[in-house]
């Protein structure tokens, strides 16, 4: 029963930290566009990157 005096406040601290982390991500704009990064892998790049062009020479 005594362990509840430790576990319950820890649970509130973890829940508060999760809420603060969620609010921070929303305010910094990380939740603005969730569809584009997921579909970006399906689009093929037309131009080679600089690392690919440097290795050709």
PDB file of N, CA and C in Angstrom:
ATOM      1  N   UNK A   1       0.819  -1.195   0.000  1.00  0.00           N
ATOM      2  CA  UNK A   1       0.000   0.000   0.000  1.00  0.00           C
ATOM      3  C   UNK A   1       0.863   1.260   0.000  1.00  0.00           C
ATOM      4  N   UNK A   2       2.021   1.174   0.633  1.00  0.00           N
ATOM      5  CA  UNK A   2       2.892   2.336   0.693  1.00  0.00           C
ATOM      6  C   UNK A   2       3.504   2.712  -0.652  1.00  0.00           C
ATOM      7  N   UNK A   3       3.590   1.725  -1.546  1.00  0.00           N
ATOM      8  CA  UNK A   3       4.175   2.002  -2.846  1.00  0.00           C
ATOM      9  C   UNK A   3       3.265   2.909  -3.675  1.00  0.00           C
ATOM     10  N   UNK A   4       1.996   2.962  -3.378  1.00  0.00           N
ATOM     11  CA  UNK A   4       1.069   3.842  -4.089  1.00  0.00           C
ATOM     12  C   UNK A   4       1.433   5.308  -3.908  1.00  0.00           C
ATOM     13  N   UNK A   5       2.059   5.658  -2.779  1.00  0.00           N
ATOM     14  CA  UNK A   5       2.464   7.048  -2.547  1.00  0.00           C
ATOM     15  C   UNK A   5       3.598   7.455  -3.489  1.00  0.00           C
ATOM     16  N   UNK A   6       4.255   6.483  -4.081  1.00  0.00           N
ATOM     17  CA  UNK A   6       5.324   6.765  -5.040  1.00  0.00           C
ATOM     18  C   UNK A   6       4.815   6.641  -6.477  1.00  0.00           C
ATOM     19  N   UNK A   7       4.023   5.611  -6.742  1.00  0.00           N
ATOM     20  CA  UNK A   7       3.598   5.309  -8.100  1.00  0.00           C
ATOM     21  C   UNK A   7       2.590   6.321  -8.633  1.00  0.00           C
ATOM     22  N   UNK A   8       1.653   6.741  -7.826  1.00  0.00           N
ATOM     23  CA  UNK A   8       0.616   7.672  -8.297  1.00  0.00           C
ATOM     24  C   UNK A   8       1.217   9.032  -8.665  1.00  0.00           C
ATOM     25  N   UNK A   9       2.062   9.651  -7.850  1.00  0.00           N
ATOM     26  CA  UNK A   9       2.681  10.907  -8.299  1.00  0.00           C
ATOM     27  C   UNK A   9       3.566  10.728  -9.538  1.00  0.00           C
ATOM     28  N   UNK A  10       4.273   9.602  -9.640  1.00  0.00           N
ATOM     29  CA  UNK A  10       5.068   9.342 -10.836  1.00  0.00           C
ATOM     30  C   UNK A  10       4.190   9.227 -12.078  1.00  0.00           C
ATOM     31  N   UNK A  11       3.024   8.617 -11.932  1.00  0.00           N
ATOM     32  CA  UNK A  11       2.100   8.504 -13.055  1.00  0.00           C
ATOM     33  C   UNK A  11       1.625   9.886 -13.489  1.00  0.00           C
ATOM     34  N   UNK A  12       1.344  10.755 -12.538  1.00  0.00           N
ATOM     35  CA  UNK A  12       0.936  12.115 -12.885  1.00  0.00           C
ATOM     36  C   UNK A  12       2.076  12.884 -13.543  1.00  0.00           C
ATOM     37  N   UNK A  13       3.302  12.676 -13.094  1.00  0.00           N
ATOM     38  CA  UNK A  13       4.443  13.343 -13.715  1.00  0.00           C
ATOM     39  C   UNK A  13       4.646  12.878 -15.155  1.00  0.00           C
ATOM     40  N   UNK A  14       4.555  11.578 -15.393  1.00  0.00           N
ATOM     41  CA  UNK A  14       4.704  11.057 -16.749  1.00  0.00           C
ATOM     42  C   UNK A  14       3.581  11.536 -17.663  1.00  0.00           C
ATOM     43  N   UNK A  15       2.360  11.567 -17.149  1.00  0.00           N
ATOM     44  CA  UNK A  15       1.233  12.039 -17.954  1.00  0.00           C
ATOM     45  C   UNK A  15       1.392  13.527 -18.269  1.00  0.00           C
ATOM     46  N   UNK A  16       1.840  14.308 -17.289  1.00  0.00           N
ATOM     47  CA  UNK A  16       2.079  15.724 -17.533  1.00  0.00           C
ATOM     48  C   UNK A  16       3.182  15.953 -18.542  1.00  0.00           C
ATOM     49  N   UNK A  17       4.240  15.152 -18.471  1.00  0.00           N
ATOM     50  CA  UNK A  17       5.327  15.273 -19.438  1.00  0.00           C
ATOM     51  C   UNK A  17       4.853  14.916 -20.842  1.00  0.00           C
ATOM     52  N   UNK A  18       3.982  13.920 -20.962  1.00  0.00           N
ATOM     53  CA  UNK A  18       3.449  13.549 -22.269  1.00  0.00           C
ATOM     54  C   UNK A  18       2.570  14.653 -22.839  1.00  0.00           C
ATOM     55  N   UNK A  19       1.757  15.268 -22.007  1.00  0.00           N
ATOM     56  CA  UNK A  19       0.906  16.367 -22.470  1.00  0.00           C
ATOM     57  C   UNK A  19       1.762  17.556 -22.888  1.00  0.00           C
ATOM     58  N   UNK A  20       2.776  17.887 -22.116  1.00  0.00           N
ATOM     59  CA  UNK A  20       3.659  19.001 -22.473  1.00  0.00           C
ATOM     60  C   UNK A  20       4.416  18.715 -23.779  1.00  0.00           C
ATOM     61  N   UNK A  21       4.849  17.486 -23.976  1.00  0.00           N
ATOM     62  CA  UNK A  21       5.537  17.131 -25.217  1.00  0.00           C
ATOM     63  C   UNK A  21       4.589  17.245 -26.406  1.00  0.00           C
ATOM     64  N   UNK A  22       3.341  16.833 -26.225  1.00  0.00           N
ATOM     65  CA  UNK A  22       2.364  16.946 -27.306  1.00  0.00           C
ATOM     66  C   UNK A  22       2.071  18.404 -27.637  1.00  0.00           C
ATOM     67  N   UNK A  23       1.893  19.230 -26.620  1.00  0.00           N
ATOM     68  CA  UNK A  23       1.631  20.658 -26.845  1.00  0.00           C
ATOM     69  C   UNK A  23       2.822  21.304 -27.543  1.00  0.00           C
ATOM     70  N   UNK A  24       4.032  20.938 -27.165  1.00  0.00           N
ATOM     71  CA  UNK A  24       5.228  21.496 -27.798  1.00  0.00           C
ATOM     72  C   UNK A  24       5.289  21.121 -29.276  1.00  0.00           C
ATOM     73  N   UNK A  25       4.980  19.859 -29.613  1.00  0.00           N
ATOM     74  CA  UNK A  25       5.030  19.455 -31.011  1.00  0.00           C
ATOM     75  C   UNK A  25       3.966  20.160 -31.837  1.00  0.00           C
ATOM     76  N   UNK A  26       2.810  20.399 -31.267  1.00  0.00           N
ATOM     77  CA  UNK A  26       1.760  21.101 -32.006  1.00  0.00           C
ATOM     78  C   UNK A  26       2.141  22.560 -32.215  1.00  0.00           C
ATOM     79  N   UNK A  27       2.697  23.202 -31.207  1.00  0.00           N
ATOM     80  CA  UNK A  27       3.066  24.621 -31.327  1.00  0.00           C
ATOM     81  C   UNK A  27       4.233  24.852 -32.279  1.00  0.00           C
ATOM     82  N   UNK A  28       5.148  23.891 -32.389  1.00  0.00           N
ATOM     83  CA  UNK A  28       6.294  24.070 -33.284  1.00  0.00           C
ATOM     84  C   UNK A  28       5.988  23.648 -34.712  1.00  0.00           C
ATOM     85  N   UNK A  29       4.769  23.174 -34.979  1.00  0.00           N
ATOM     86  CA  UNK A  29       4.360  22.866 -36.340  1.00  0.00           C
ATOM     87  C   UNK A  29       4.705  21.479 -36.816  1.00  0.00           C
ATOM     88  N   UNK A  30       5.061  20.590 -35.943  1.00  0.00           N
ATOM     89  CA  UNK A  30       5.433  19.245 -36.363  1.00  0.00           C
ATOM     90  C   UNK A  30       4.228  18.395 -36.729  1.00  0.00           C
ATOM     91  N   UNK A  31       3.030  18.831 -36.360  1.00  0.00           N
ATOM     92  CA  UNK A  31       1.816  18.076 -36.665  1.00  0.00           C
ATOM     93  C   UNK A  31       1.030  18.699 -37.816  1.00  0.00           C
ATOM     94  N   UNK A  32       1.622  19.652 -38.531  1.00  0.00           N
ATOM     95  CA  UNK A  32       0.885  20.359 -39.574  1.00  0.00           C
ATOM     96  C   UNK A  32       0.579  19.475 -40.775  1.00  0.00           C
ATOM     97  N   UNK A  33       1.557  18.750 -41.290  1.00  0.00           N
ATOM     98  CA  UNK A  33       1.369  17.953 -42.492  1.00  0.00           C
ATOM     99  C   UNK A  33       1.853  16.537 -42.234  1.00  0.00           C
ATOM    100  N   UNK A  34       0.919  15.635 -41.995  1.00  0.00           N
ATOM    101  CA  UNK A  34       1.289  14.260 -41.697  1.00  0.00           C
ATOM    102  C   UNK A  34       1.235  13.360 -42.925  1.00  0.00           C
ATOM    103  N   UNK A  35       0.603  13.808 -44.030  1.00  0.00           N
ATOM    104  CA  UNK A  35       0.438  12.955 -45.198  1.00  0.00           C
ATOM    105  C   UNK A  35       1.608  13.043 -46.175  1.00  0.00           C
ATOM    106  N   UNK A  36       2.192  14.208 -46.344  1.00  0.00           N
ATOM    107  CA  UNK A  36       3.251  14.382 -47.335  1.00  0.00           C
ATOM    108  C   UNK A  36       4.494  13.537 -47.038  1.00  0.00           C
ATOM    109  N   UNK A  37       5.033  13.508 -45.827  1.00  0.00           N
ATOM    110  CA  UNK A  37       6.221  12.674 -45.598  1.00  0.00           C
ATOM    111  C   UNK A  37       5.962  11.186 -45.850  1.00  0.00           C
ATOM    112  N   UNK A  38       4.757  10.723 -45.594  1.00  0.00           N
ATOM    113  CA  UNK A  38       4.454   9.309 -45.810  1.00  0.00           C
ATOM    114  C   UNK A  38       4.372   8.974 -47.287  1.00  0.00           C
ATOM    115  N   UNK A  39       3.895   9.902 -48.110  1.00  0.00           N
ATOM    116  CA  UNK A  39       3.764   9.626 -49.540  1.00  0.00           C
ATOM    117  C   UNK A  39       5.003  10.051 -50.323  1.00  0.00           C
ATOM    118  N   UNK A  40       5.945  10.734 -49.700  1.00  0.00           N
ATOM    119  CA  UNK A  40       7.151  11.181 -50.387  1.00  0.00           C
ATOM    120  C   UNK A  40       8.005  10.011 -50.870  1.00  0.00           C
ATOM    121  N   UNK A  41       7.932   8.878 -50.178  1.00  0.00           N
ATOM    122  CA  UNK A  41       8.725   7.718 -50.580  1.00  0.00           C
ATOM    123  C   UNK A  41       8.225   7.136 -51.897  1.00  0.00           C
ATOM    124  N   UNK A  42       6.977   7.410 -52.270  1.00  0.00           N
ATOM    125  CA  UNK A  42       6.424   6.862 -53.496  1.00  0.00           C
ATOM    126  C   UNK A  42       6.812   7.668 -54.727  1.00  0.00           C
ATOM    127  N   UNK A  43       7.311   8.883 -54.543  1.00  0.00           N
ATOM    128  CA  UNK A  43       7.672   9.752 -55.657  1.00  0.00           C
ATOM    129  C   UNK A  43       9.147   9.548 -55.981  1.00  0.00           C
ATOM    130  N   UNK A  44       9.433   9.286 -57.259  1.00  0.00           N
ATOM    131  CA  UNK A  44      10.809   9.052 -57.664  1.00  0.00           C
ATOM    132  C   UNK A  44      11.512  10.380 -57.945  1.00  0.00           C
ATOM    133  N   UNK A  45      12.746  10.489 -57.509  1.00  0.00           N
ATOM    134  CA  UNK A  45      13.532  11.687 -57.765  1.00  0.00           C
ATOM    135  C   UNK A  45      13.993  11.700 -59.210  1.00  0.00           C
ATOM    136  N   UNK A  46      13.841  12.847 -59.879  1.00  0.00           N
ATOM    137  CA  UNK A  46      14.270  12.963 -61.271  1.00  0.00           C
ATOM    138  C   UNK A  46      15.753  13.293 -61.376  1.00  0.00           C
ATOM    139  N   UNK A  47      16.238  14.138 -60.486  1.00  0.00           N
ATOM    140  CA  UNK A  47      17.631  14.572 -60.540  1.00  0.00           C
ATOM    141  C   UNK A  47      18.463  13.803 -59.525  1.00  0.00           C
ATOM    142  N   UNK A  48      19.665  13.376 -59.890  1.00  0.00           N
ATOM    143  CA  UNK A  48      20.512  12.688 -58.907  1.00  0.00           C
ATOM    144  C   UNK A  48      21.014  13.671 -57.851  1.00  0.00           C
ATOM    145  N   UNK A  49      21.300  13.161 -56.704  1.00  0.00           N
ATOM    146  CA  UNK A  49      21.818  14.005 -55.633  1.00  0.00           C
ATOM    147  C   UNK A  49      23.265  14.358 -55.905  1.00  0.00           C
ATOM    148  N   UNK A  50      23.828  15.261 -55.127  1.00  0.00           N
ATOM    149  CA  UNK A  50      25.213  15.693 -55.347  1.00  0.00           C
ATOM    150  C   UNK A  50      26.196  14.559 -55.068  1.00  0.00           C
ATOM    151  N   UNK A  51      25.888  13.672 -54.147  1.00  0.00           N
ATOM    152  CA  UNK A  51      26.788  12.557 -53.850  1.00  0.00           C
ATOM    153  C   UNK A  51      26.875  11.601 -55.030  1.00  0.00           C
ATOM    154  N   UNK A  52      25.753  11.418 -55.745  1.00  0.00           N
ATOM    155  CA  UNK A  52      25.772  10.541 -56.911  1.00  0.00           C
ATOM    156  C   UNK A  52      26.537  11.163 -58.074  1.00  0.00           C
ATOM    157  N   UNK A  53      26.424  12.466 -58.237  1.00  0.00           N
ATOM    158  CA  UNK A  53      27.129  13.114 -59.354  1.00  0.00           C
ATOM    159  C   UNK A  53      28.619  13.199 -59.088  1.00  0.00           C
ATOM    160  N   UNK A  54      29.039  13.340 -57.817  1.00  0.00           N
ATOM    161  CA  UNK A  54      30.461  13.409 -57.493  1.00  0.00           C
ATOM    162  C   UNK A  54      31.144  12.062 -57.714  1.00  0.00           C
ATOM    163  N   UNK A  55      30.449  10.973 -57.484  1.00  0.00           N
ATOM    164  CA  UNK A  55      31.064   9.663 -57.639  1.00  0.00           C
ATOM    165  C   UNK A  55      31.214   9.270 -59.102  1.00  0.00           C
ATOM    166  N   UNK A  56      30.471   9.923 -59.996  1.00  0.00           N
ATOM    167  CA  UNK A  56      30.567   9.613 -61.425  1.00  0.00           C
ATOM    168  C   UNK A  56      31.841  10.160 -62.053  1.00  0.00           C
ATOM    169  N   UNK A  57      32.430  11.176 -61.489  1.00  0.00           N
ATOM    170  CA  UNK A  57      33.605  11.810 -62.091  1.00  0.00           C
ATOM    171  C   UNK A  57      34.875  11.078 -61.791  1.00  0.00           C
TER     172      UNK A  57
END
